[in-house]
């Protein structure tokens, strides 16, 4: 007796173009943790290839608060800690911030809420 499932074929859910990178080969940027935070928060990201990478914090007014990472990173998982301070070393005020990650022509943005 043959199984009914033996005659089924799985099809991909969507078409993938020849020059479209696979999901595994894309820049990945997780949400900050903990978030919201009154102290330090950790930003985790994964790069599909080595290259120049920049991670910066921007306030709601569009001003750069601090650059957390700027340089060449290897492919793979990375973790950067924000201690809640601005570029001058002062504690950043409570509010909404944006963490912007750029690497190899790709970018991603995550929201960070800082509370007192």
PDB file of N, CA and C in Angstrom:
ATOM      1  N   UNK A   1       0.847  -1.176   0.000  1.00  0.00           N
ATOM      2  CA  UNK A   1       0.000   0.000   0.000  1.00  0.00           C
ATOM      3  C   UNK A   1       0.891   1.237   0.000  1.00  0.00           C
ATOM      4  N   UNK A   2       0.691   2.110  -0.958  1.00  0.00           N
ATOM      5  CA  UNK A   2       1.493   3.328  -1.035  1.00  0.00           C
ATOM      6  C   UNK A   2       0.795   4.454  -0.284  1.00  0.00           C
ATOM      7  N   UNK A   3       1.611   5.290   0.256  1.00  0.00           N
ATOM      8  CA  UNK A   3       1.099   6.436   0.998  1.00  0.00           C
ATOM      9  C   UNK A   3       0.609   7.502   0.033  1.00  0.00           C
ATOM     10  N   UNK A   4      -0.461   8.143   0.380  1.00  0.00           N
ATOM     11  CA  UNK A   4      -0.973   9.252  -0.425  1.00  0.00           C
ATOM     12  C   UNK A   4       0.053  10.373  -0.459  1.00  0.00           C
ATOM     13  N   UNK A   5       0.788  10.586   0.628  1.00  0.00           N
ATOM     14  CA  UNK A   5       1.771  11.653   0.697  1.00  0.00           C
ATOM     15  C   UNK A   5       2.934  11.436  -0.271  1.00  0.00           C
ATOM     16  N   UNK A   6       3.170  10.211  -0.687  1.00  0.00           N
ATOM     17  CA  UNK A   6       4.269   9.936  -1.602  1.00  0.00           C
ATOM     18  C   UNK A   6       4.069  10.601  -2.954  1.00  0.00           C
ATOM     19  N   UNK A   7       2.849  10.949  -3.299  1.00  0.00           N
ATOM     20  CA  UNK A   7       2.558  11.579  -4.580  1.00  0.00           C
ATOM     21  C   UNK A   7       2.504  13.106  -4.508  1.00  0.00           C
ATOM     22  N   UNK A   8       2.767  13.687  -3.375  1.00  0.00           N
ATOM     23  CA  UNK A   8       2.702  15.139  -3.212  1.00  0.00           C
ATOM     24  C   UNK A   8       4.081  15.742  -3.424  1.00  0.00           C
ATOM     25  N   UNK A   9       4.110  16.917  -4.020  1.00  0.00           N
ATOM     26  CA  UNK A   9       5.352  17.645  -4.220  1.00  0.00           C
ATOM     27  C   UNK A   9       5.213  19.017  -3.572  1.00  0.00           C
ATOM     28  N   UNK A  10       6.273  19.473  -2.933  1.00  0.00           N
ATOM     29  CA  UNK A  10       6.244  20.785  -2.315  1.00  0.00           C
ATOM     30  C   UNK A  10       6.762  21.823  -3.288  1.00  0.00           C
ATOM     31  N   UNK A  11       6.057  22.899  -3.422  1.00  0.00           N
ATOM     32  CA  UNK A  11       6.451  24.000  -4.291  1.00  0.00           C
ATOM     33  C   UNK A  11       6.880  25.175  -3.422  1.00  0.00           C
ATOM     34  N   UNK A  12       7.830  25.994  -3.889  1.00  0.00           N
ATOM     35  CA  UNK A  12       8.200  27.185  -3.117  1.00  0.00           C
ATOM     36  C   UNK A  12       7.012  28.128  -3.021  1.00  0.00           C
ATOM     37  N   UNK A  13       6.965  28.895  -1.927  1.00  0.00           N
ATOM     38  CA  UNK A  13       5.862  29.824  -1.699  1.00  0.00           C
ATOM     39  C   UNK A  13       5.928  31.040  -2.603  1.00  0.00           C
ATOM     40  N   UNK A  14       7.093  31.391  -3.084  1.00  0.00           N
ATOM     41  CA  UNK A  14       7.223  32.558  -3.948  1.00  0.00           C
ATOM     42  C   UNK A  14       8.352  32.349  -4.927  1.00  0.00           C
ATOM     43  N   UNK A  15       8.305  33.103  -5.998  1.00  0.00           N
ATOM     44  CA  UNK A  15       9.363  33.007  -6.998  1.00  0.00           C
ATOM     45  C   UNK A  15      10.606  33.728  -6.497  1.00  0.00           C
ATOM     46  N   UNK A  16      11.750  33.180  -6.801  1.00  0.00           N
ATOM     47  CA  UNK A  16      13.021  33.786  -6.421  1.00  0.00           C
ATOM     48  C   UNK A  16      13.773  34.114  -7.697  1.00  0.00           C
ATOM     49  N   UNK A  17      14.117  35.385  -7.875  1.00  0.00           N
ATOM     50  CA  UNK A  17      14.850  35.808  -9.062  1.00  0.00           C
ATOM     51  C   UNK A  17      16.289  35.329  -9.009  1.00  0.00           C
ATOM     52  N   UNK A  18      16.922  35.288 -10.151  1.00  0.00           N
ATOM     53  CA  UNK A  18      18.290  34.798 -10.239  1.00  0.00           C
ATOM     54  C   UNK A  18      19.241  35.666  -9.437  1.00  0.00           C
ATOM     55  N   UNK A  19      19.082  36.999  -9.494  1.00  0.00           N
ATOM     56  CA  UNK A  19      20.012  37.835  -8.759  1.00  0.00           C
ATOM     57  C   UNK A  19      19.451  38.338  -7.435  1.00  0.00           C
ATOM     58  N   UNK A  20      18.357  37.754  -6.956  1.00  0.00           N
ATOM     59  CA  UNK A  20      17.830  38.107  -5.646  1.00  0.00           C
ATOM     60  C   UNK A  20      18.545  37.262  -4.589  1.00  0.00           C
ATOM     61  N   UNK A  21      19.157  37.913  -3.584  1.00  0.00           N
ATOM     62  CA  UNK A  21      19.853  37.123  -2.575  1.00  0.00           C
ATOM     63  C   UNK A  21      18.873  36.302  -1.754  1.00  0.00           C
ATOM     64  N   UNK A  22      19.326  35.157  -1.317  1.00  0.00           N
ATOM     65  CA  UNK A  22      18.470  34.339  -0.460  1.00  0.00           C
ATOM     66  C   UNK A  22      18.307  35.033   0.880  1.00  0.00           C
ATOM     67  N   UNK A  23      17.281  34.655   1.608  1.00  0.00           N
ATOM     68  CA  UNK A  23      16.995  35.277   2.908  1.00  0.00           C
ATOM     69  C   UNK A  23      18.185  35.128   3.858  1.00  0.00           C
ATOM     70  N   UNK A  24      18.886  34.007   3.769  1.00  0.00           N
ATOM     71  CA  UNK A  24      20.026  33.763   4.646  1.00  0.00           C
ATOM     72  C   UNK A  24      21.197  34.688   4.329  1.00  0.00           C
ATOM     73  N   UNK A  25      21.237  35.245   3.114  1.00  0.00           N
ATOM     74  CA  UNK A  25      22.366  36.072   2.701  1.00  0.00           C
ATOM     75  C   UNK A  25      22.070  37.565   2.856  1.00  0.00           C
ATOM     76  N   UNK A  26      21.123  37.927   3.679  1.00  0.00           N
ATOM     77  CA  UNK A  26      20.768  39.326   3.883  1.00  0.00           C
ATOM     78  C   UNK A  26      21.227  39.812   5.249  1.00  0.00           C
ATOM     79  N   UNK A  27      21.386  41.101   5.336  1.00  0.00           N
ATOM     80  CA  UNK A  27      21.678  41.755   6.596  1.00  0.00           C
ATOM     81  C   UNK A  27      20.529  41.489   7.563  1.00  0.00           C
ATOM     82  N   UNK A  28      20.845  41.069   8.770  1.00  0.00           N
ATOM     83  CA  UNK A  28      19.819  40.820   9.788  1.00  0.00           C
ATOM     84  C   UNK A  28      20.111  41.689  11.003  1.00  0.00           C
ATOM     85  N   UNK A  29      19.092  42.373  11.503  1.00  0.00           N
ATOM     86  CA  UNK A  29      19.229  43.301  12.613  1.00  0.00           C
ATOM     87  C   UNK A  29      18.076  43.055  13.577  1.00  0.00           C
ATOM     88  N   UNK A  30      18.400  42.530  14.748  1.00  0.00           N
ATOM     89  CA  UNK A  30      17.374  42.201  15.742  1.00  0.00           C
ATOM     90  C   UNK A  30      16.937  43.454  16.491  1.00  0.00           C
ATOM     91  N   UNK A  31      15.798  43.365  17.163  1.00  0.00           N
ATOM     92  CA  UNK A  31      15.358  44.450  18.031  1.00  0.00           C
ATOM     93  C   UNK A  31      16.292  44.554  19.231  1.00  0.00           C
ATOM     94  N   UNK A  32      16.474  45.767  19.722  1.00  0.00           N
ATOM     95  CA  UNK A  32      17.325  45.989  20.891  1.00  0.00           C
ATOM     96  C   UNK A  32      16.735  45.252  22.095  1.00  0.00           C
ATOM     97  N   UNK A  33      17.624  44.845  22.998  1.00  0.00           N
ATOM     98  CA  UNK A  33      17.170  44.127  24.182  1.00  0.00           C
ATOM     99  C   UNK A  33      18.033  44.515  25.382  1.00  0.00           C
ATOM    100  N   UNK A  34      17.446  44.926  26.497  1.00  0.00           N
ATOM    101  CA  UNK A  34      16.018  45.150  26.696  1.00  0.00           C
ATOM    102  C   UNK A  34      15.573  46.438  26.016  1.00  0.00           C
ATOM    103  N   UNK A  35      14.315  46.508  25.728  1.00  0.00           N
ATOM    104  CA  UNK A  35      13.737  47.680  25.070  1.00  0.00           C
ATOM    105  C   UNK A  35      12.259  47.751  25.403  1.00  0.00           C
ATOM    106  N   UNK A  36      11.827  48.757  26.158  1.00  0.00           N
ATOM    107  CA  UNK A  36      12.551  49.949  26.598  1.00  0.00           C
ATOM    108  C   UNK A  36      13.575  49.631  27.680  1.00  0.00           C
ATOM    109  N   UNK A  37      14.480  50.592  27.874  1.00  0.00           N
ATOM    110  CA  UNK A  37      15.556  50.405  28.839  1.00  0.00           C
ATOM    111  C   UNK A  37      15.901  51.728  29.524  1.00  0.00           C
ATOM    112  N   UNK A  38      16.274  51.641  30.782  1.00  0.00           N
ATOM    113  CA  UNK A  38      16.754  52.824  31.498  1.00  0.00           C
ATOM    114  C   UNK A  38      18.272  52.761  31.673  1.00  0.00           C
ATOM    115  N   UNK A  39      18.845  51.633  31.319  1.00  0.00           N
ATOM    116  CA  UNK A  39      20.300  51.454  31.437  1.00  0.00           C
ATOM    117  C   UNK A  39      20.840  51.050  30.066  1.00  0.00           C
ATOM    118  N   UNK A  40      21.690  50.066  30.039  1.00  0.00           N
ATOM    119  CA  UNK A  40      22.293  49.608  28.776  1.00  0.00           C
ATOM    120  C   UNK A  40      21.313  48.750  27.985  1.00  0.00           C
ATOM    121  N   UNK A  41      21.507  48.750  26.686  1.00  0.00           N
ATOM    122  CA  UNK A  41      20.739  47.886  25.796  1.00  0.00           C
ATOM    123  C   UNK A  41      21.698  47.275  24.778  1.00  0.00           C
ATOM    124  N   UNK A  42      21.370  46.102  24.288  1.00  0.00           N
ATOM    125  CA  UNK A  42      22.249  45.368  23.372  1.00  0.00           C
ATOM    126  C   UNK A  42      21.606  45.288  21.992  1.00  0.00           C
ATOM    127  N   UNK A  43      22.411  45.549  20.984  1.00  0.00           N
ATOM    128  CA  UNK A  43      21.975  45.470  19.593  1.00  0.00           C
ATOM    129  C   UNK A  43      22.725  44.312  18.940  1.00  0.00           C
ATOM    130  N   UNK A  44      21.978  43.380  18.353  1.00  0.00           N
ATOM    131  CA  UNK A  44      22.572  42.209  17.709  1.00  0.00           C
ATOM    132  C   UNK A  44      22.269  42.248  16.213  1.00  0.00           C
ATOM    133  N   UNK A  45      23.281  41.901  15.434  1.00  0.00           N
ATOM    134  CA  UNK A  45      23.088  41.863  13.987  1.00  0.00           C
ATOM    135  C   UNK A  45      23.964  40.784  13.389  1.00  0.00           C
ATOM    136  N   UNK A  46      23.600  40.389  12.183  1.00  0.00           N
ATOM    137  CA  UNK A  46      24.348  39.369  11.472  1.00  0.00           C
ATOM    138  C   UNK A  46      24.608  39.863  10.056  1.00  0.00           C
ATOM    139  N   UNK A  47      25.850  39.727   9.627  1.00  0.00           N
ATOM    140  CA  UNK A  47      26.261  40.188   8.307  1.00  0.00           C
ATOM    141  C   UNK A  47      26.466  39.000   7.375  1.00  0.00           C
ATOM    142  N   UNK A  48      25.971  39.087   6.138  1.00  0.00           N
ATOM    143  CA  UNK A  48      26.146  37.981   5.200  1.00  0.00           C
ATOM    144  C   UNK A  48      27.563  37.890   4.652  1.00  0.00           C
ATOM    145  N   UNK A  49      28.312  39.018   4.707  1.00  0.00           N
ATOM    146  CA  UNK A  49      29.687  39.028   4.212  1.00  0.00           C
ATOM    147  C   UNK A  49      30.485  40.079   4.984  1.00  0.00           C
ATOM    148  N   UNK A  50      31.784  39.927   4.992  1.00  0.00           N
ATOM    149  CA  UNK A  50      32.646  40.907   5.653  1.00  0.00           C
ATOM    150  C   UNK A  50      32.574  42.227   4.894  1.00  0.00           C
ATOM    151  N   UNK A  51      32.748  43.319   5.628  1.00  0.00           N
ATOM    152  CA  UNK A  51      32.753  44.612   4.963  1.00  0.00           C
ATOM    153  C   UNK A  51      32.618  45.760   5.935  1.00  0.00           C
ATOM    154  N   UNK A  52      32.681  46.962   5.381  1.00  0.00           N
ATOM    155  CA  UNK A  52      32.521  48.157   6.186  1.00  0.00           C
ATOM    156  C   UNK A  52      31.111  48.190   6.756  1.00  0.00           C
ATOM    157  N   UNK A  53      31.026  48.456   8.050  1.00  0.00           N
ATOM    158  CA  UNK A  53      29.751  48.442   8.753  1.00  0.00           C
ATOM    159  C   UNK A  53      29.692  49.640   9.676  1.00  0.00           C
ATOM    160  N   UNK A  54      28.520  50.257   9.736  1.00  0.00           N
ATOM    161  CA  UNK A  54      28.329  51.423  10.611  1.00  0.00           C
ATOM    162  C   UNK A  54      27.007  51.248  11.350  1.00  0.00           C
ATOM    163  N   UNK A  55      27.049  51.447  12.663  1.00  0.00           N
ATOM    164  CA  UNK A  55      25.862  51.400  13.511  1.00  0.00           C
ATOM    165  C   UNK A  55      25.820  52.703  14.289  1.00  0.00           C
ATOM    166  N   UNK A  56      24.772  53.487  14.067  1.00  0.00           N
ATOM    167  CA  UNK A  56      24.664  54.779  14.738  1.00  0.00           C
ATOM    168  C   UNK A  56      23.289  54.960  15.331  1.00  0.00           C
ATOM    169  N   UNK A  57      23.241  55.832  16.369  1.00  0.00           N
ATOM    170  CA  UNK A  57      21.987  56.174  17.023  1.00  0.00           C
ATOM    171  C   UNK A  57      21.584  57.573  16.622  1.00  0.00           C
ATOM    172  N   UNK A  58      20.308  57.738  16.336  1.00  0.00           N
ATOM    173  CA  UNK A  58      19.775  59.022  15.888  1.00  0.00           C
ATOM    174  C   UNK A  58      18.554  59.346  16.740  1.00  0.00           C
ATOM    175  N   UNK A  59      18.419  60.613  17.154  1.00  0.00           N
ATOM    176  CA  UNK A  59      17.246  60.987  17.939  1.00  0.00           C
ATOM    177  C   UNK A  59      16.078  61.314  17.009  1.00  0.00           C
ATOM    178  N   UNK A  60      14.916  61.605  17.587  1.00  0.00           N
ATOM    179  CA  UNK A  60      13.724  61.851  16.774  1.00  0.00           C
ATOM    180  C   UNK A  60      13.843  63.118  15.935  1.00  0.00           C
ATOM    181  N   UNK A  61      14.761  64.006  16.295  1.00  0.00           N
ATOM    182  CA  UNK A  61      14.995  65.211  15.509  1.00  0.00           C
ATOM    183  C   UNK A  61      15.939  64.972  14.337  1.00  0.00           C
ATOM    184  N   UNK A  62      16.441  63.737  14.193  1.00  0.00           N
ATOM    185  CA  UNK A  62      17.336  63.409  13.091  1.00  0.00           C
ATOM    186  C   UNK A  62      18.804  63.688  13.381  1.00  0.00           C
ATOM    187  N   UNK A  63      19.125  64.033  14.618  1.00  0.00           N
ATOM    188  CA  UNK A  63      20.519  64.319  14.987  1.00  0.00           C
ATOM    189  C   UNK A  63      21.226  63.030  15.410  1.00  0.00           C
ATOM    190  N   UNK A  64      22.476  62.892  14.981  1.00  0.00           N
ATOM    191  CA  UNK A  64      23.271  61.737  15.388  1.00  0.00           C
ATOM    192  C   UNK A  64      23.621  61.894  16.861  1.00  0.00           C
ATOM    193  N   UNK A  65      23.280  60.890  17.645  1.00  0.00           N
ATOM    194  CA  UNK A  65      23.565  60.877  19.078  1.00  0.00           C
ATOM    195  C   UNK A  65      24.925  60.253  19.336  1.00  0.00           C
ATOM    196  N   UNK A  66      25.180  59.143  18.640  1.00  0.00           N
ATOM    197  CA  UNK A  66      26.439  58.429  18.859  1.00  0.00           C
ATOM    198  C   UNK A  66      26.651  57.385  17.771  1.00  0.00           C
ATOM    199  N   UNK A  67      27.881  57.181  17.405  1.00  0.00           N
ATOM    200  CA  UNK A  67      28.250  56.089  16.505  1.00  0.00           C
ATOM    201  C   UNK A  67      28.731  54.945  17.397  1.00  0.00           C
ATOM    202  N   UNK A  68      28.060  53.811  17.319  1.00  0.00           N
ATOM    203  CA  UNK A  68      28.410  52.666  18.165  1.00  0.00           C
ATOM    204  C   UNK A  68      29.404  51.730  17.504  1.00  0.00           C
ATOM    205  N   UNK A  69      29.423  51.704  16.191  1.00  0.00           N
ATOM    206  CA  UNK A  69      30.358  50.843  15.470  1.00  0.00           C
ATOM    207  C   UNK A  69      30.628  51.484  14.113  1.00  0.00           C
ATOM    208  N   UNK A  70      31.889  51.456  13.716  1.00  0.00           N
ATOM    209  CA  UNK A  70      32.257  52.009  12.420  1.00  0.00           C
ATOM    210  C   UNK A  70      33.590  51.390  12.013  1.00  0.00           C
ATOM    211  N   UNK A  71      33.532  50.428  11.124  1.00  0.00           N
ATOM    212  CA  UNK A  71      34.758  49.761  10.696  1.00  0.00           C
ATOM    213  C   UNK A  71      34.445  48.504   9.928  1.00  0.00           C
ATOM    214  N   UNK A  72      35.456  47.699   9.715  1.00  0.00           N
ATOM    215  CA  UNK A  72      35.298  46.447   8.984  1.00  0.00           C
ATOM    216  C   UNK A  72      34.922  45.338   9.964  1.00  0.00           C
ATOM    217  N   UNK A  73      33.850  44.640   9.631  1.00  0.00           N
ATOM    218  CA  UNK A  73      33.373  43.520  10.437  1.00  0.00           C
ATOM    219  C   UNK A  73      33.401  42.272   9.583  1.00  0.00           C
ATOM    220  N   UNK A  74      33.685  41.148  10.202  1.00  0.00           N
ATOM    221  CA  UNK A  74      33.644  39.854   9.529  1.00  0.00           C
ATOM    222  C   UNK A  74      32.192  39.433   9.326  1.00  0.00           C
ATOM    223  N   UNK A  75      31.963  38.515   8.415  1.00  0.00           N
ATOM    224  CA  UNK A  75      30.633  37.936   8.237  1.00  0.00           C
ATOM    225  C   UNK A  75      30.254  37.183   9.506  1.00  0.00           C
ATOM    226  N   UNK A  76      28.962  37.156   9.803  1.00  0.00           N
ATOM    227  CA  UNK A  76      28.482  36.421  10.969  1.00  0.00           C
ATOM    228  C   UNK A  76      27.797  37.316  11.975  1.00  0.00           C
ATOM    229  N   UNK A  77      27.580  36.766  13.165  1.00  0.00           N
ATOM    230  CA  UNK A  77      26.822  37.432  14.224  1.00  0.00           C
ATOM    231  C   UNK A  77      27.710  38.379  15.030  1.00  0.00           C
ATOM    232  N   UNK A  78      27.117  39.512  15.391  1.00  0.00           N
ATOM    233  CA  UNK A  78      27.811  40.522  16.189  1.00  0.00           C
ATOM    234  C   UNK A  78      26.861  41.100  17.223  1.00  0.00           C
ATOM    235  N   UNK A  79      27.450  41.680  18.264  1.00  0.00           N
ATOM    236  CA  UNK A  79      26.677  42.269  19.354  1.00  0.00           C
ATOM    237  C   UNK A  79      27.359  43.559  19.778  1.00  0.00           C
ATOM    238  N   UNK A  80      26.577  44.643  19.877  1.00  0.00           N
ATOM    239  CA  UNK A  80      27.107  45.934  20.306  1.00  0.00           C
ATOM    240  C   UNK A  80      26.242  46.428  21.458  1.00  0.00           C
ATOM    241  N   UNK A  81      26.878  46.917  22.481  1.00  0.00           N
ATOM    242  CA  UNK A  81      26.171  47.401  23.681  1.00  0.00           C
ATOM    243  C   UNK A  81      26.148  48.923  23.673  1.00  0.00           C
ATOM    244  N   UNK A  82      24.961  49.505  23.908  1.00  0.00           N
ATOM    245  CA  UNK A  82      24.843  50.951  24.094  1.00  0.00           C
ATOM    246  C   UNK A  82      24.619  51.202  25.567  1.00  0.00           C
ATOM    247  N   UNK A  83      25.518  51.981  26.165  1.00  0.00           N
ATOM    248  CA  UNK A  83      25.454  52.262  27.600  1.00  0.00           C
ATOM    249  C   UNK A  83      24.522  53.416  27.945  1.00  0.00           C
ATOM    250  N   UNK A  84      23.782  53.927  26.970  1.00  0.00           N
ATOM    251  CA  UNK A  84      22.839  55.010  27.226  1.00  0.00           C
ATOM    252  C   UNK A  84      23.466  56.392  27.167  1.00  0.00           C
ATOM    253  N   UNK A  85      24.709  56.465  26.714  1.00  0.00           N
ATOM    254  CA  UNK A  85      25.408  57.754  26.670  1.00  0.00           C
ATOM    255  C   UNK A  85      25.523  58.270  25.243  1.00  0.00           C
ATOM    256  N   UNK A  86      25.609  59.600  25.128  1.00  0.00           N
ATOM    257  CA  UNK A  86      25.792  60.210  23.818  1.00  0.00           C
ATOM    258  C   UNK A  86      27.275  60.247  23.467  1.00  0.00           C
ATOM    259  N   UNK A  87      27.606  60.865  22.346  1.00  0.00           N
ATOM    260  CA  UNK A  87      28.997  60.912  21.879  1.00  0.00           C
ATOM    261  C   UNK A  87      29.915  61.662  22.836  1.00  0.00           C
ATOM    262  N   UNK A  88      29.363  62.594  23.608  1.00  0.00           N
ATOM    263  CA  UNK A  88      30.154  63.358  24.574  1.00  0.00           C
ATOM    264  C   UNK A  88      30.291  62.685  25.928  1.00  0.00           C
ATOM    265  N   UNK A  89      29.650  61.543  26.115  1.00  0.00           N
ATOM    266  CA  UNK A  89      29.743  60.811  27.375  1.00  0.00           C
ATOM    267  C   UNK A  89      28.621  61.115  28.363  1.00  0.00           C
ATOM    268  N   UNK A  90      27.724  62.041  28.019  1.00  0.00           N
ATOM    269  CA  UNK A  90      26.596  62.367  28.903  1.00  0.00           C
ATOM    270  C   UNK A  90      25.474  61.352  28.694  1.00  0.00           C
ATOM    271  N   UNK A  91      24.712  61.114  29.756  1.00  0.00           N
ATOM    272  CA  UNK A  91      23.559  60.224  29.616  1.00  0.00           C
ATOM    273  C   UNK A  91      22.556  60.837  28.659  1.00  0.00           C
ATOM    274  N   UNK A  92      22.103  60.053  27.715  1.00  0.00           N
ATOM    275  CA  UNK A  92      21.099  60.515  26.761  1.00  0.00           C
ATOM    276  C   UNK A  92      19.762  60.631  27.482  1.00  0.00           C
ATOM    277  N   UNK A  93      18.984  61.663  27.168  1.00  0.00           N
ATOM    278  CA  UNK A  93      17.686  61.819  27.830  1.00  0.00           C
ATOM    279  C   UNK A  93      16.706  60.723  27.433  1.00  0.00           C
ATOM    280  N   UNK A  94      15.697  60.540  28.251  1.00  0.00           N
ATOM    281  CA  UNK A  94      14.633  59.591  27.929  1.00  0.00           C
ATOM    282  C   UNK A  94      13.991  60.013  26.618  1.00  0.00           C
ATOM    283  N   UNK A  95      13.605  59.041  25.818  1.00  0.00           N
ATOM    284  CA  UNK A  95      12.952  59.355  24.558  1.00  0.00           C
ATOM    285  C   UNK A  95      13.090  58.233  23.559  1.00  0.00           C
ATOM    286  N   UNK A  96      12.723  58.555  22.339  1.00  0.00           N
ATOM    287  CA  UNK A  96      12.759  57.600  21.243  1.00  0.00           C
ATOM    288  C   UNK A  96      14.022  57.821  20.418  1.00  0.00           C
ATOM    289  N   UNK A  97      14.703  56.726  20.105  1.00  0.00           N
ATOM    290  CA  UNK A  97      15.924  56.767  19.296  1.00  0.00           C
ATOM    291  C   UNK A  97      15.808  55.739  18.187  1.00  0.00           C
ATOM    292  N   UNK A  98      16.563  55.952  17.132  1.00  0.00           N
ATOM    293  CA  UNK A  98      16.632  55.015  16.028  1.00  0.00           C
ATOM    294  C   UNK A  98      18.059  54.504  15.909  1.00  0.00           C
ATOM    295  N   UNK A  99      18.212  53.199  15.840  1.00  0.00           N
ATOM    296  CA  UNK A  99      19.514  52.584  15.590  1.00  0.00           C
ATOM    297  C   UNK A  99      19.539  52.237  14.105  1.00  0.00           C
ATOM    298  N   UNK A 100      20.505  52.795  13.385  1.00  0.00           N
ATOM    299  CA  UNK A 100      20.604  52.552  11.936  1.00  0.00           C
ATOM    300  C   UNK A 100      21.880  51.760  11.656  1.00  0.00           C
ATOM    301  N   UNK A 101      21.722  50.618  11.015  1.00  0.00           N
ATOM    302  CA  UNK A 101      22.820  49.730  10.658  1.00  0.00           C
ATOM    303  C   UNK A 101      22.980  49.759   9.148  1.00  0.00           C
ATOM    304  N   UNK A 102      24.209  49.977   8.685  1.00  0.00           N
ATOM    305  CA  UNK A 102      24.504  49.972   7.253  1.00  0.00           C
ATOM    306  C   UNK A 102      25.719  49.101   7.004  1.00  0.00           C
ATOM    307  N   UNK A 103      25.607  48.228   5.993  1.00  0.00           N
ATOM    308  CA  UNK A 103      26.716  47.354   5.631  1.00  0.00           C
ATOM    309  C   UNK A 103      26.497  46.817   4.230  1.00  0.00           C
ATOM    310  N   UNK A 104      27.526  46.824   3.427  1.00  0.00           N
ATOM    311  CA  UNK A 104      27.506  46.238   2.075  1.00  0.00           C
ATOM    312  C   UNK A 104      26.331  46.726   1.241  1.00  0.00           C
ATOM    313  N   UNK A 105      26.020  48.007   1.326  1.00  0.00           N
ATOM    314  CA  UNK A 105      24.947  48.579   0.527  1.00  0.00           C
ATOM    315  C   UNK A 105      23.550  48.333   1.052  1.00  0.00           C
ATOM    316  N   UNK A 106      23.424  47.638   2.172  1.00  0.00           N
ATOM    317  CA  UNK A 106      22.117  47.378   2.776  1.00  0.00           C
ATOM    318  C   UNK A 106      22.009  48.161   4.080  1.00  0.00           C
ATOM    319  N   UNK A 107      20.788  48.435   4.493  1.00  0.00           N
ATOM    320  CA  UNK A 107      20.594  49.123   5.764  1.00  0.00           C
ATOM    321  C   UNK A 107      19.330  48.616   6.449  1.00  0.00           C
ATOM    322  N   UNK A 108      19.297  48.801   7.753  1.00  0.00           N
ATOM    323  CA  UNK A 108      18.130  48.429   8.550  1.00  0.00           C
ATOM    324  C   UNK A 108      18.056  49.381   9.729  1.00  0.00           C
ATOM    325  N   UNK A 109      16.842  49.613  10.215  1.00  0.00           N
ATOM    326  CA  UNK A 109      16.626  50.548  11.315  1.00  0.00           C
ATOM    327  C   UNK A 109      15.787  49.853  12.367  1.00  0.00           C
ATOM    328  N   UNK A 110      16.143  50.073  13.635  1.00  0.00           N
ATOM    329  CA  UNK A 110      15.374  49.551  14.759  1.00  0.00           C
ATOM    330  C   UNK A 110      15.124  50.689  15.745  1.00  0.00           C
ATOM    331  N   UNK A 111      13.992  50.618  16.403  1.00  0.00           N
ATOM    332  CA  UNK A 111      13.588  51.630  17.376  1.00  0.00           C
ATOM    333  C   UNK A 111      14.087  51.254  18.773  1.00  0.00           C
ATOM    334  N   UNK A 112      14.566  52.259  19.493  1.00  0.00           N
ATOM    335  CA  UNK A 112      14.990  52.069  20.881  1.00  0.00           C
ATOM    336  C   UNK A 112      14.266  53.108  21.738  1.00  0.00           C
ATOM    337  N   UNK A 113      13.666  52.676  22.814  1.00  0.00           N
ATOM    338  CA  UNK A 113      13.013  53.586  23.753  1.00  0.00           C
ATOM    339  C   UNK A 113      13.846  53.627  25.017  1.00  0.00           C
ATOM    340  N   UNK A 114      14.260  54.843  25.370  1.00  0.00           N
ATOM    341  CA  UNK A 114      15.036  55.042  26.603  1.00  0.00           C
ATOM    342  C   UNK A 114      14.122  55.693  27.634  1.00  0.00           C
ATOM    343  N   UNK A 115      14.027  55.066  28.811  1.00  0.00           N
ATOM    344  CA  UNK A 115      13.190  55.586  29.896  1.00  0.00           C
ATOM    345  C   UNK A 115      14.069  55.954  31.076  1.00  0.00           C
ATOM    346  N   UNK A 116      13.555  56.787  31.924  1.00  0.00           N
ATOM    347  CA  UNK A 116      14.305  57.177  33.145  1.00  0.00           C
ATOM    348  C   UNK A 116      14.004  56.246  34.284  1.00  0.00           C
TER     349      UNK A 116
END
